[in-house]
Amino acid sequence: MSSNTALEVDEPQGEFTSHDTPPKRLGLALFVICAAQLMIVLDGTIVTIALPHIEADLGFSQANLQWVITIYTLAFGGVLLLGGRLGDLYGRRRLFFWGIVLFTIASLVAGIAQNEAMMLAARAVQGLGGALAAPNALALITTTFPAGKERNRAMGVFAAMSGAGAAIGLILGGALTEIDWRWNFFINLPIGIVVAILARRILTESEDGRGSLDIPGAITSIAGLSSLVYGLTHAASTSWSDATTVTYLAIGVVLLVAFVVIETRVAHPLLPMRIPGDRTRGTSYFVMLIVGAAMFAMFYFLGIYIQTILGYSPLKTGLAFLPFSVGIVVAAQIASFLIAKVDPRWIAGAGAGFAALGMWGFTHLTPQSTYSADLLPWIVVLAFGLGLIFVPLTLTAVHGVAHEDSSVASAVLNTMQQVGGTLGLATLSTIFVNNMGDKVAELTAKLPQGGPAPTQEQVAAAQKMIADEAFTYGASRAYLVAAIMIAVAGIVTLVALHVRHQELATDGAAPAHMG
């Protein structure tokens, strides 16, 4: 720990090192970390419902409007690994603090934005701030809370915030857009200010890590991840065969391959291969990639279904996802209790079973379905399953990591979720579009030919019927693939995740590495 930590936080003489935080401060520390994580996660979806209002007020073209979401995703996903390693090298609390400061200032600028350029620049800085804060938030849990009951409980709350954040973003987005879309950004100001102040006073600083920053690794990782995320995002709105999609995906893959080669040869790598190379962590990362892919695509299709088919307002649409957030929180707390008694693979494996069942339930939705009878039960089942997945896998993803690697190990987990969400949306959107097109052609061919010309009202009614039937059919195929993905992730968890619950009750950190 740096020698000036006690002065910085106005504490009495004597410093607290990792795992020595007084019990009465652990609750405040958890509040600070989880409030930051919730703010960062929900910002990925909170502006979704407000996009039409942003377009009208700031004069966005339809082509550029997607960049309000995309540029945040690119900055966040591309810089996560670097943000994690910077925390390991120069202090996790320091990077967490400055990430929150950047995020909060950028939120203010986005809220007062007067044109496209101002909004997009602010969103990019928001993503950058989030990428600095998010991996260090999880690392601060692993280095602040002692292994066992305290850490399991903290991870349960953290996982609940991470899993429920997207749904909470939709709820807040609907409510705040009813007032003014700018409040979707202003809401971050009081949260960010409180978190930044408390972070300086409550959280303890980690020791500066050994080694130097891997510049070639940083450049190739940022460029490679950004190119890959953009290619996947572009595929979701065009096609996999589109020239731009193929080009960016190819560049991303080449740069990430170069990144791996660099990491195996430099003395102080940005991402030591011992982190993803460990069987437990590698399995956890892979499963979180697949689950993230299915979950974020689910939000996309259900959000459209609830608004266009069920006819809900933006606010009512957001509230329709409230049971999802509640289910995640409840299941996460159950999982954090069970993890001291049951091996993580059984908890996460059972969760995958519930989640796959819930996703399969959505395949039965039709234009005539109702929220309470046909949608709500499956939302609850899916949320419960995801809550059981997130807690054990968040723990196993950082278990056994040397303390000097904890932030970058957390960054890999965040990166897997981010890339997984983008990959899932791109892949399942392709399945959706292809099946929807086939259904439109099938239903159009069945329309009666000849006879008296239909009225304008009849034509509109027929078009609406075809659109609704085609959408639900295309979405049902996407839900089916998502259910299979989660089921496969569950099987992988049961087969490959061998860490025992007794091991999670100990610190399990690997010895320090000099390289």
Protein backbone atom coordinates (compact mmCIF):
# COMPACT_ATOMS: atom_id res chain seq x y z
CA MET A 1 0.00 0.00 0.00
CA SER A 2 1.20 3.46 -0.79
CA SER A 3 2.47 5.41 2.19
CA ASN A 4 0.04 8.29 1.83
CA THR A 5 -3.18 6.25 1.88
CA ALA A 6 -4.00 7.13 5.48
CA LEU A 7 -3.66 10.82 4.78
CA GLU A 8 -5.76 10.63 1.65
CA VAL A 9 -8.73 9.11 3.45
CA ASP A 10 -8.40 11.09 6.67
CA GLU A 11 -8.13 7.91 8.73
CA PRO A 12 -6.49 7.58 12.15
CA GLN A 13 -2.91 6.39 12.22
CA GLY A 14 -2.55 2.83 11.01
CA GLU A 15 -3.57 1.42 7.68
CA PHE A 16 -5.87 -1.35 6.61
CA THR A 17 -4.47 -3.77 4.08
CA SER A 18 -6.38 -6.16 1.86
CA HIS A 19 -8.75 -8.34 3.88
CA ASP A 20 -8.16 -6.21 7.01
CA THR A 21 -11.04 -3.78 6.50
CA PRO A 22 -12.97 -3.48 9.80
CA PRO A 23 -16.32 -5.33 9.69
CA LYS A 24 -18.33 -2.15 10.29
CA ARG A 25 -16.85 -0.69 7.08
CA LEU A 26 -17.53 -3.73 4.89
CA GLY A 27 -21.17 -2.77 4.39
CA LEU A 28 -20.23 0.72 3.22
CA ALA A 29 -17.52 -0.69 0.97
CA LEU A 30 -20.04 -3.05 -0.62
CA PHE A 31 -22.51 -0.19 -1.12
CA VAL A 32 -19.88 1.91 -2.90
CA ILE A 33 -18.71 -0.89 -5.18
CA CYS A 34 -22.17 -2.16 -6.08
CA ALA A 35 -23.63 1.31 -6.64
CA ALA A 36 -20.84 1.97 -9.13
CA GLN A 37 -21.37 -1.37 -10.87
CA LEU A 38 -25.11 -0.82 -11.13
CA MET A 39 -24.61 2.66 -12.60
CA ILE A 40 -22.16 1.34 -15.21
CA VAL A 41 -24.23 -1.70 -16.22
CA LEU A 42 -27.59 0.03 -16.48
CA ASP A 43 -26.12 2.76 -18.67
CA GLY A 44 -25.83 0.20 -21.45
CA THR A 45 -29.65 0.02 -21.69
CA ILE A 46 -31.06 3.09 -19.94
CA VAL A 47 -30.90 5.26 -23.08
CA THR A 48 -32.43 2.62 -25.38
CA ILE A 49 -36.01 3.78 -24.84
CA ALA A 50 -34.94 7.44 -25.11
CA LEU A 51 -33.33 7.08 -28.56
CA PRO A 52 -36.31 8.47 -30.55
CA HIS A 53 -36.37 11.58 -28.33
CA ILE A 54 -32.59 12.04 -28.63
CA GLU A 55 -32.91 11.73 -32.39
CA ALA A 56 -35.58 14.43 -32.56
CA ASP A 57 -33.97 16.90 -30.16
CA LEU A 58 -30.36 16.68 -31.33
CA GLY A 59 -31.01 16.21 -35.04
CA PHE A 60 -29.46 12.76 -35.32
CA SER A 61 -29.72 11.04 -38.68
CA GLN A 62 -31.22 7.56 -38.56
CA ALA A 63 -27.88 6.10 -39.66
CA ASN A 64 -25.96 7.79 -36.84
CA LEU A 65 -28.48 7.18 -34.06
CA GLN A 66 -27.16 3.66 -33.39
CA TRP A 67 -23.81 5.21 -32.44
CA VAL A 68 -25.31 6.50 -29.19
CA ILE A 69 -25.27 2.84 -28.09
CA THR A 70 -22.42 1.52 -30.23
CA ILE A 71 -19.75 4.05 -29.25
CA TYR A 72 -20.33 3.35 -25.55
CA THR A 73 -20.06 -0.38 -26.22
CA LEU A 74 -16.85 0.05 -28.22
CA ALA A 75 -15.11 2.21 -25.61
CA PHE A 76 -16.25 0.03 -22.73
CA GLY A 77 -15.48 -3.34 -24.30
CA GLY A 78 -12.25 -2.25 -25.93
CA VAL A 79 -10.56 -0.76 -22.86
CA LEU A 80 -11.64 -3.26 -20.17
CA LEU A 81 -8.43 -5.30 -20.22
CA LEU A 82 -6.28 -2.19 -20.06
CA GLY A 83 -8.40 -0.79 -17.22
CA GLY A 84 -7.92 -3.99 -15.26
CA ARG A 85 -4.16 -4.09 -15.71
CA LEU A 86 -3.80 -0.40 -14.84
CA GLY A 87 -5.55 -1.13 -11.56
CA ASP A 88 -3.18 -4.00 -10.82
CA LEU A 89 -0.15 -1.82 -11.57
CA TYR A 90 -1.10 1.57 -10.16
CA GLY A 91 -3.80 0.94 -7.55
CA ARG A 92 -7.32 -0.44 -7.86
CA ARG A 93 -8.99 2.22 -5.75
CA ARG A 94 -7.22 4.94 -7.72
CA LEU A 95 -8.39 3.58 -11.08
CA PHE A 96 -11.87 2.90 -9.71
CA PHE A 97 -12.11 6.48 -8.42
CA TRP A 98 -10.95 8.11 -11.65
CA GLY A 99 -13.17 5.83 -13.71
CA ILE A 100 -16.20 6.99 -11.71
CA VAL A 101 -15.13 10.64 -12.02
CA LEU A 102 -14.79 10.32 -15.82
CA PHE A 103 -18.12 8.51 -16.06
CA THR A 104 -19.91 11.14 -13.98
CA ILE A 105 -18.48 14.13 -15.86
CA ALA A 106 -19.33 12.48 -19.18
CA SER A 107 -22.89 11.87 -17.94
CA LEU A 108 -23.26 15.59 -17.26
CA VAL A 109 -21.97 16.46 -20.73
CA ALA A 110 -24.32 13.92 -22.35
CA GLY A 111 -27.23 15.37 -20.40
CA ILE A 112 -26.58 18.91 -21.68
CA ALA A 113 -25.54 17.81 -25.20
CA GLN A 114 -26.67 20.14 -27.97
CA ASN A 115 -25.67 18.15 -31.05
CA GLU A 116 -24.53 14.76 -32.36
CA ALA A 117 -20.81 15.32 -31.82
CA MET A 118 -21.23 16.42 -28.21
CA MET A 119 -23.42 13.42 -27.39
CA LEU A 120 -21.16 10.86 -29.07
CA ALA A 121 -18.01 12.26 -27.45
CA ALA A 122 -19.68 12.12 -24.03
CA ARG A 123 -20.84 8.54 -24.58
CA ALA A 124 -17.31 7.49 -25.59
CA VAL A 125 -15.88 8.98 -22.39
CA GLN A 126 -18.64 7.27 -20.40
CA GLY A 127 -17.51 3.95 -21.86
CA LEU A 128 -13.89 4.73 -21.05
CA GLY A 129 -14.77 5.61 -17.45
CA GLY A 130 -16.79 2.44 -17.10
CA ALA A 131 -13.90 0.36 -18.46
CA LEU A 132 -11.59 1.79 -15.80
CA ALA A 133 -14.04 1.34 -12.93
CA ALA A 134 -15.80 -1.98 -13.66
CA PRO A 135 -12.89 -4.48 -13.49
CA ASN A 136 -11.44 -2.75 -10.45
CA ALA A 137 -14.83 -2.83 -8.71
CA LEU A 138 -14.89 -6.64 -8.78
CA ALA A 139 -11.20 -6.80 -7.85
CA LEU A 140 -11.87 -4.57 -4.83
CA ILE A 141 -14.39 -7.12 -3.57
CA THR A 142 -11.87 -9.95 -3.81
CA THR A 143 -9.18 -7.92 -2.01
CA THR A 144 -11.44 -6.21 0.56
CA PHE A 145 -13.70 -9.05 1.73
CA PRO A 146 -12.16 -12.10 3.42
CA ALA A 147 -12.83 -15.42 1.69
CA GLY A 148 -15.85 -17.31 2.94
CA LYS A 149 -19.15 -15.96 4.19
CA GLU A 150 -18.35 -12.25 3.82
CA ARG A 151 -17.04 -12.54 0.28
CA ASN A 152 -19.82 -14.89 -0.82
CA ARG A 153 -22.43 -12.45 0.43
CA ALA A 154 -20.67 -9.54 -1.26
CA MET A 155 -20.39 -11.47 -4.52
CA GLY A 156 -24.09 -12.28 -4.32
CA VAL A 157 -25.00 -8.60 -4.14
CA PHE A 158 -22.45 -7.68 -6.83
CA ALA A 159 -23.69 -10.41 -9.18
CA ALA A 160 -27.29 -9.34 -8.59
CA MET A 161 -26.43 -5.76 -9.55
CA SER A 162 -24.57 -6.94 -12.63
CA GLY A 163 -27.34 -9.27 -13.75
CA ALA A 164 -30.27 -7.00 -12.95
CA GLY A 165 -28.62 -3.80 -14.17
CA ALA A 166 -29.79 -4.13 -17.77
CA ALA A 167 -33.42 -4.65 -16.71
CA ILE A 168 -33.23 -1.81 -14.19
CA GLY A 169 -31.88 0.36 -17.00
CA LEU A 170 -34.99 -0.33 -19.05
CA ILE A 171 -37.24 0.47 -16.07
CA LEU A 172 -35.46 3.74 -15.28
CA GLY A 173 -35.17 4.60 -18.95
CA GLY A 174 -38.91 4.32 -19.41
CA ALA A 175 -39.68 6.37 -16.30
CA LEU A 176 -37.11 9.10 -16.90
CA THR A 177 -37.94 9.44 -20.59
CA GLU A 178 -41.50 10.27 -19.58
CA ILE A 179 -40.02 13.33 -17.78
CA ASP A 180 -37.16 14.29 -20.12
CA TRP A 181 -34.63 12.05 -21.89
CA ARG A 182 -31.79 14.13 -20.43
CA TRP A 183 -32.55 12.72 -16.97
CA ASN A 184 -31.30 9.34 -18.23
CA PHE A 185 -27.85 10.92 -17.89
CA PHE A 186 -28.43 13.38 -15.03
CA ILE A 187 -29.46 10.49 -12.77
CA ASN A 188 -25.79 9.42 -12.73
CA LEU A 189 -24.60 12.70 -11.19
CA PRO A 190 -25.70 12.26 -7.54
CA ILE A 191 -24.78 8.55 -7.63
CA GLY A 192 -21.35 9.23 -9.12
CA ILE A 193 -20.54 12.05 -6.71
CA VAL A 194 -21.49 9.98 -3.65
CA VAL A 195 -19.60 6.93 -4.91
CA ALA A 196 -16.45 8.96 -5.70
CA ILE A 197 -16.41 10.65 -2.28
CA LEU A 198 -17.04 7.44 -0.35
CA ALA A 199 -14.53 5.51 -2.44
CA ARG A 200 -11.75 7.82 -1.25
CA ARG A 201 -12.81 7.46 2.38
CA ILE A 202 -14.01 3.86 2.66
CA LEU A 203 -12.06 1.72 0.19
CA THR A 204 -8.47 0.78 0.91
CA GLU A 205 -5.79 1.08 -1.74
CA SER A 206 -3.93 -1.91 -3.10
CA GLU A 207 -0.20 -2.03 -3.33
CA ASP A 208 1.27 -0.87 -6.63
CA GLY A 209 2.03 -3.89 -8.76
CA ARG A 210 5.39 -4.98 -10.06
CA GLY A 211 6.38 -4.59 -13.68
CA SER A 212 5.61 -2.11 -16.42
CA LEU A 213 2.71 -1.49 -18.76
CA ASP A 214 2.63 -3.71 -21.84
CA ILE A 215 2.16 -1.05 -24.55
CA PRO A 216 2.07 -3.42 -27.59
CA GLY A 217 -0.43 -5.62 -25.75
CA ALA A 218 -2.55 -2.61 -24.82
CA ILE A 219 -2.65 -1.35 -28.42
CA THR A 220 -3.50 -4.72 -29.97
CA SER A 221 -6.09 -5.59 -27.31
CA ILE A 222 -7.92 -2.26 -27.59
CA ALA A 223 -7.84 -2.24 -31.39
CA GLY A 224 -8.69 -5.94 -31.64
CA LEU A 225 -11.58 -5.92 -29.16
CA SER A 226 -13.00 -2.67 -30.58
CA SER A 227 -12.83 -4.02 -34.14
CA LEU A 228 -14.44 -7.31 -33.10
CA VAL A 229 -17.23 -5.59 -31.15
CA TYR A 230 -17.92 -3.18 -34.02
CA GLY A 231 -17.98 -6.03 -36.53
CA LEU A 232 -20.48 -7.96 -34.41
CA THR A 233 -22.61 -4.85 -33.88
CA HIS A 234 -22.58 -4.14 -37.62
CA ALA A 235 -23.56 -7.74 -38.37
CA ALA A 236 -26.62 -7.35 -36.12
CA SER A 237 -27.89 -4.43 -38.22
CA THR A 238 -26.80 -5.71 -41.67
CA SER A 239 -25.58 -9.26 -42.29
CA TRP A 240 -22.64 -11.56 -41.68
CA SER A 241 -21.67 -11.36 -45.37
CA ASP A 242 -21.62 -7.56 -45.46
CA ALA A 243 -18.17 -6.32 -46.54
CA THR A 244 -17.81 -3.99 -43.56
CA THR A 245 -18.80 -6.74 -41.13
CA VAL A 246 -16.32 -9.22 -42.61
CA THR A 247 -13.52 -6.65 -42.70
CA TYR A 248 -13.85 -5.57 -39.09
CA LEU A 249 -14.28 -9.12 -37.81
CA ALA A 250 -11.20 -10.25 -39.74
CA ILE A 251 -9.13 -7.31 -38.46
CA GLY A 252 -10.32 -7.99 -34.92
CA VAL A 253 -9.38 -11.67 -35.08
CA VAL A 254 -5.93 -10.94 -36.56
CA LEU A 255 -5.19 -8.30 -33.91
CA LEU A 256 -6.35 -10.55 -31.06
CA VAL A 257 -4.18 -13.38 -32.36
CA ALA A 258 -1.28 -10.93 -32.45
CA PHE A 259 -2.20 -9.91 -28.89
CA VAL A 260 -1.99 -13.52 -27.67
CA VAL A 261 1.40 -13.96 -29.36
CA ILE A 262 2.69 -10.77 -27.76
CA GLU A 263 1.43 -11.81 -24.33
CA THR A 264 3.40 -15.06 -24.47
CA ARG A 265 6.65 -13.23 -25.22
CA VAL A 266 6.77 -10.04 -23.14
CA ALA A 267 8.15 -9.94 -19.61
CA HIS A 268 5.16 -8.14 -18.09
CA PRO A 269 2.08 -9.03 -20.19
CA LEU A 270 -1.18 -7.08 -20.08
CA LEU A 271 -3.00 -10.42 -19.77
CA PRO A 272 -0.81 -13.18 -18.35
CA MET A 273 -1.86 -16.41 -20.07
CA ARG A 274 -1.95 -18.13 -16.67
CA ILE A 275 -5.25 -16.32 -16.02
CA PRO A 276 -7.45 -17.67 -18.84
CA GLY A 277 -5.31 -20.82 -19.06
CA ASP A 278 -6.50 -22.08 -15.66
CA ARG A 279 -9.27 -24.67 -16.14
CA THR A 280 -11.62 -23.22 -13.53
CA ARG A 281 -11.30 -19.65 -14.77
CA GLY A 282 -11.36 -20.66 -18.43
CA THR A 283 -14.61 -22.56 -17.89
CA SER A 284 -16.13 -19.64 -15.97
CA TYR A 285 -15.19 -17.17 -18.71
CA PHE A 286 -16.59 -19.39 -21.47
CA VAL A 287 -19.89 -20.00 -19.69
CA MET A 288 -20.33 -16.28 -18.93
CA LEU A 289 -19.69 -15.52 -22.62
CA ILE A 290 -22.49 -17.88 -23.69
CA VAL A 291 -24.94 -16.82 -20.98
CA GLY A 292 -24.30 -13.14 -21.73
CA ALA A 293 -24.95 -13.80 -25.42
CA ALA A 294 -28.35 -15.32 -24.69
CA MET A 295 -29.41 -12.80 -22.03
CA PHE A 296 -28.78 -9.57 -23.92
CA ALA A 297 -30.46 -10.88 -27.08
CA MET A 298 -33.46 -11.80 -24.92
CA PHE A 299 -33.76 -8.20 -23.71
CA TYR A 300 -33.68 -6.97 -27.30
CA PHE A 301 -36.43 -9.22 -28.64
CA LEU A 302 -38.66 -9.06 -25.57
CA GLY A 303 -38.39 -5.26 -25.47
CA ILE A 304 -39.69 -5.04 -29.05
CA TYR A 305 -42.37 -7.67 -28.44
CA ILE A 306 -43.75 -5.95 -25.37
CA GLN A 307 -43.95 -2.56 -27.09
CA THR A 308 -45.06 -3.52 -30.61
CA ILE A 309 -47.15 -6.65 -30.03
CA LEU A 310 -48.54 -6.06 -26.54
CA GLY A 311 -48.69 -2.29 -27.16
CA TYR A 312 -47.10 -1.19 -23.87
CA SER A 313 -45.83 2.35 -23.35
CA PRO A 314 -42.10 2.91 -22.68
CA LEU A 315 -42.73 3.20 -18.93
CA LYS A 316 -44.96 0.13 -18.81
CA THR A 317 -42.39 -1.79 -20.88
CA GLY A 318 -39.72 -0.97 -18.34
CA LEU A 319 -41.94 -2.07 -15.47
CA ALA A 320 -42.66 -5.33 -17.28
CA PHE A 321 -39.02 -6.24 -16.66
CA LEU A 322 -39.24 -5.53 -12.92
CA PRO A 323 -39.90 -9.20 -12.03
CA PHE A 324 -36.69 -10.07 -13.87
CA SER A 325 -34.67 -7.78 -11.60
CA VAL A 326 -36.40 -9.12 -8.48
CA GLY A 327 -35.83 -12.71 -9.58
CA ILE A 328 -32.12 -12.11 -10.18
CA VAL A 329 -31.68 -10.48 -6.76
CA VAL A 330 -33.55 -13.25 -4.89
CA ALA A 331 -31.73 -16.06 -6.70
CA ALA A 332 -28.35 -14.38 -6.21
CA GLN A 333 -28.89 -14.26 -2.46
CA ILE A 334 -29.93 -17.92 -2.41
CA ALA A 335 -26.81 -18.81 -4.42
CA SER A 336 -24.54 -16.82 -2.09
CA PHE A 337 -25.96 -18.86 0.83
CA LEU A 338 -25.67 -22.22 -0.96
CA ILE A 339 -22.12 -21.64 -2.19
CA ALA A 340 -20.75 -22.39 1.30
CA LYS A 341 -22.44 -25.80 1.25
CA VAL A 342 -22.63 -26.92 -2.38
CA ASP A 343 -20.00 -27.09 -5.12
CA PRO A 344 -20.39 -24.21 -7.61
CA ARG A 345 -20.90 -26.46 -10.62
CA TRP A 346 -24.11 -27.87 -9.15
CA ILE A 347 -25.52 -24.41 -8.38
CA ALA A 348 -24.56 -22.93 -11.75
CA GLY A 349 -25.59 -26.13 -13.56
CA ALA A 350 -29.04 -26.04 -11.95
CA GLY A 351 -29.26 -22.35 -12.79
CA ALA A 352 -28.50 -23.11 -16.44
CA GLY A 353 -31.33 -25.65 -16.42
CA PHE A 354 -33.81 -23.08 -15.10
CA ALA A 355 -32.53 -20.40 -17.49
CA ALA A 356 -32.74 -22.69 -20.52
CA LEU A 357 -36.30 -23.65 -19.50
CA GLY A 358 -37.27 -20.00 -19.15
CA MET A 359 -35.81 -19.13 -22.54
CA TRP A 360 -37.59 -22.12 -24.10
CA GLY A 361 -40.86 -20.82 -22.65
CA PHE A 362 -40.55 -17.69 -24.79
CA THR A 363 -40.67 -19.84 -27.95
CA HIS A 364 -44.41 -20.26 -27.35
CA LEU A 365 -45.23 -16.56 -27.52
CA THR A 366 -47.75 -15.52 -30.19
CA PRO A 367 -49.42 -12.21 -31.11
CA GLN A 368 -52.34 -13.35 -28.95
CA SER A 369 -50.26 -14.05 -25.84
CA THR A 370 -50.78 -12.07 -22.65
CA TYR A 371 -48.17 -10.76 -20.25
CA SER A 372 -49.46 -12.33 -17.03
CA ALA A 373 -50.23 -15.80 -18.41
CA ASP A 374 -47.65 -16.33 -21.16
CA LEU A 375 -44.70 -14.04 -20.44
CA LEU A 376 -44.38 -13.36 -16.71
CA PRO A 377 -43.90 -17.00 -15.56
CA TRP A 378 -41.01 -17.53 -17.97
CA ILE A 379 -39.39 -14.20 -17.04
CA VAL A 380 -39.34 -15.34 -13.40
CA VAL A 381 -37.93 -18.79 -14.26
CA LEU A 382 -35.22 -17.28 -16.48
CA ALA A 383 -34.24 -14.67 -13.89
CA PHE A 384 -34.05 -17.26 -11.12
CA GLY A 385 -31.78 -19.43 -13.24
CA LEU A 386 -29.47 -16.56 -14.19
CA GLY A 387 -29.16 -15.50 -10.56
CA LEU A 388 -27.98 -19.01 -9.68
CA ILE A 389 -25.42 -18.85 -12.51
CA PHE A 390 -23.91 -15.44 -11.87
CA VAL A 391 -22.85 -15.81 -8.22
CA PRO A 392 -20.83 -19.06 -8.38
CA LEU A 393 -19.25 -18.18 -11.72
CA THR A 394 -18.28 -14.69 -10.55
CA LEU A 395 -16.52 -16.33 -7.60
CA THR A 396 -14.80 -19.04 -9.63
CA ALA A 397 -13.70 -16.56 -12.31
CA VAL A 398 -11.44 -14.79 -9.81
CA HIS A 399 -10.67 -17.65 -7.42
CA GLY A 400 -7.03 -18.59 -7.07
CA VAL A 401 -5.78 -15.46 -8.84
CA ALA A 402 -2.64 -13.85 -7.44
CA HIS A 403 -3.52 -10.52 -5.83
CA GLU A 404 -1.46 -8.59 -8.38
CA ASP A 405 -3.62 -10.07 -11.16
CA SER A 406 -7.06 -9.65 -9.61
CA SER A 407 -8.14 -6.58 -11.61
CA VAL A 408 -7.15 -7.99 -14.98
CA ALA A 409 -8.83 -11.32 -14.13
CA SER A 410 -11.98 -9.34 -13.34
CA ALA A 411 -11.55 -7.45 -16.61
CA VAL A 412 -11.54 -10.71 -18.57
CA LEU A 413 -14.86 -11.65 -16.96
CA ASN A 414 -16.36 -8.26 -17.85
CA THR A 415 -14.98 -8.56 -21.37
CA MET A 416 -16.55 -11.98 -21.84
CA GLN A 417 -19.94 -10.62 -20.79
CA GLN A 418 -19.59 -7.58 -23.05
CA VAL A 419 -18.39 -9.49 -26.11
CA GLY A 420 -20.92 -12.23 -25.37
CA GLY A 421 -23.80 -9.76 -25.38
CA THR A 422 -22.68 -8.30 -28.70
CA LEU A 423 -22.04 -11.74 -30.20
CA GLY A 424 -25.44 -13.00 -29.06
CA LEU A 425 -27.30 -10.04 -30.51
CA ALA A 426 -25.50 -10.39 -33.85
CA THR A 427 -25.97 -14.16 -34.09
CA LEU A 428 -29.56 -14.37 -32.86
CA SER A 429 -30.58 -11.32 -34.91
CA THR A 430 -29.44 -13.16 -38.03
CA ILE A 431 -31.54 -16.17 -37.08
CA PHE A 432 -34.45 -13.87 -36.30
CA VAL A 433 -34.26 -11.94 -39.60
CA ASN A 434 -33.95 -15.06 -41.75
CA ASN A 435 -36.88 -16.83 -40.10
CA MET A 436 -39.01 -13.69 -40.07
CA GLY A 437 -38.41 -13.22 -43.81
CA ASP A 438 -39.41 -16.82 -44.51
CA LYS A 439 -42.60 -16.38 -42.48
CA VAL A 440 -43.53 -13.16 -44.28
CA ALA A 441 -43.16 -14.92 -47.64
CA GLU A 442 -45.22 -17.89 -46.42
CA LEU A 443 -48.07 -15.77 -45.05
CA THR A 444 -48.08 -13.41 -48.02
CA ALA A 445 -48.46 -16.39 -50.39
CA LYS A 446 -51.55 -17.49 -48.46
CA LEU A 447 -53.39 -14.20 -48.96
CA PRO A 448 -56.49 -14.62 -51.16
CA GLN A 449 -55.92 -13.75 -54.81
CA GLY A 450 -58.49 -12.21 -57.13
CA GLY A 451 -61.93 -11.03 -56.08
CA PRO A 452 -62.81 -7.46 -55.13
CA ALA A 453 -59.94 -5.15 -54.28
CA PRO A 454 -59.40 -4.90 -50.50
CA THR A 455 -59.99 -1.62 -48.72
CA GLN A 456 -57.13 0.39 -47.27
CA GLU A 457 -58.17 -0.72 -43.80
CA GLN A 458 -58.13 -4.38 -44.85
CA VAL A 459 -54.66 -4.01 -46.37
CA ALA A 460 -53.35 -2.37 -43.19
CA ALA A 461 -54.91 -5.09 -41.03
CA ALA A 462 -53.38 -7.82 -43.20
CA GLN A 463 -49.95 -6.18 -43.07
CA LYS A 464 -50.16 -5.84 -39.29
CA MET A 465 -51.18 -9.48 -38.91
CA ILE A 466 -48.33 -10.67 -41.12
CA ALA A 467 -45.80 -8.43 -39.34
CA ASP A 468 -46.87 -9.62 -35.89
CA GLU A 469 -46.94 -13.30 -36.84
CA ALA A 470 -43.57 -13.06 -38.61
CA PHE A 471 -41.95 -11.22 -35.71
CA THR A 472 -43.07 -13.72 -33.08
CA TYR A 473 -42.05 -16.65 -35.29
CA GLY A 474 -38.59 -15.20 -35.98
CA ALA A 475 -38.11 -14.35 -32.31
CA SER A 476 -39.23 -17.84 -31.24
CA ARG A 477 -36.47 -19.39 -33.38
CA ALA A 478 -33.95 -17.04 -31.79
CA TYR A 479 -35.21 -17.95 -28.30
CA LEU A 480 -34.86 -21.65 -29.14
CA VAL A 481 -31.22 -21.23 -30.16
CA ALA A 482 -30.61 -19.13 -27.02
CA ALA A 483 -32.12 -21.91 -24.87
CA ILE A 484 -29.82 -24.46 -26.52
CA MET A 485 -26.82 -22.17 -25.93
CA ILE A 486 -27.61 -21.91 -22.21
CA ALA A 487 -28.17 -25.67 -21.98
CA VAL A 488 -24.76 -26.30 -23.56
CA ALA A 489 -23.19 -23.82 -21.13
CA GLY A 490 -24.81 -25.77 -18.29
CA ILE A 491 -23.35 -29.05 -19.54
CA VAL A 492 -19.90 -27.46 -19.83
CA THR A 493 -20.25 -26.20 -16.27
CA LEU A 494 -21.15 -29.61 -14.90
CA VAL A 495 -18.36 -31.37 -16.79
CA ALA A 496 -15.47 -28.90 -16.53
CA LEU A 497 -15.96 -26.82 -13.37
CA HIS A 498 -14.35 -28.99 -10.70
CA VAL A 499 -13.49 -26.45 -7.98
CA ARG A 500 -14.99 -27.45 -4.61
CA HIS A 501 -17.01 -25.20 -2.35
CA GLN A 502 -14.47 -25.79 0.43
CA GLU A 503 -11.80 -24.17 -1.77
CA LEU A 504 -13.91 -21.03 -2.16
CA ALA A 505 -13.98 -20.69 1.62
CA THR A 506 -10.25 -20.00 1.57
CA ASP A 507 -8.42 -17.16 -0.06
CA GLY A 508 -6.92 -19.49 -2.61
CA ALA A 509 -4.76 -16.79 -4.13
CA ALA A 510 -1.81 -17.95 -6.12
CA PRO A 511 1.62 -16.77 -5.01
CA ALA A 512 2.88 -13.53 -6.47
CA HIS A 513 4.35 -13.72 -9.95
CA MET A 514 7.38 -11.70 -10.90
CA GLY A 515 6.60 -11.76 -14.63
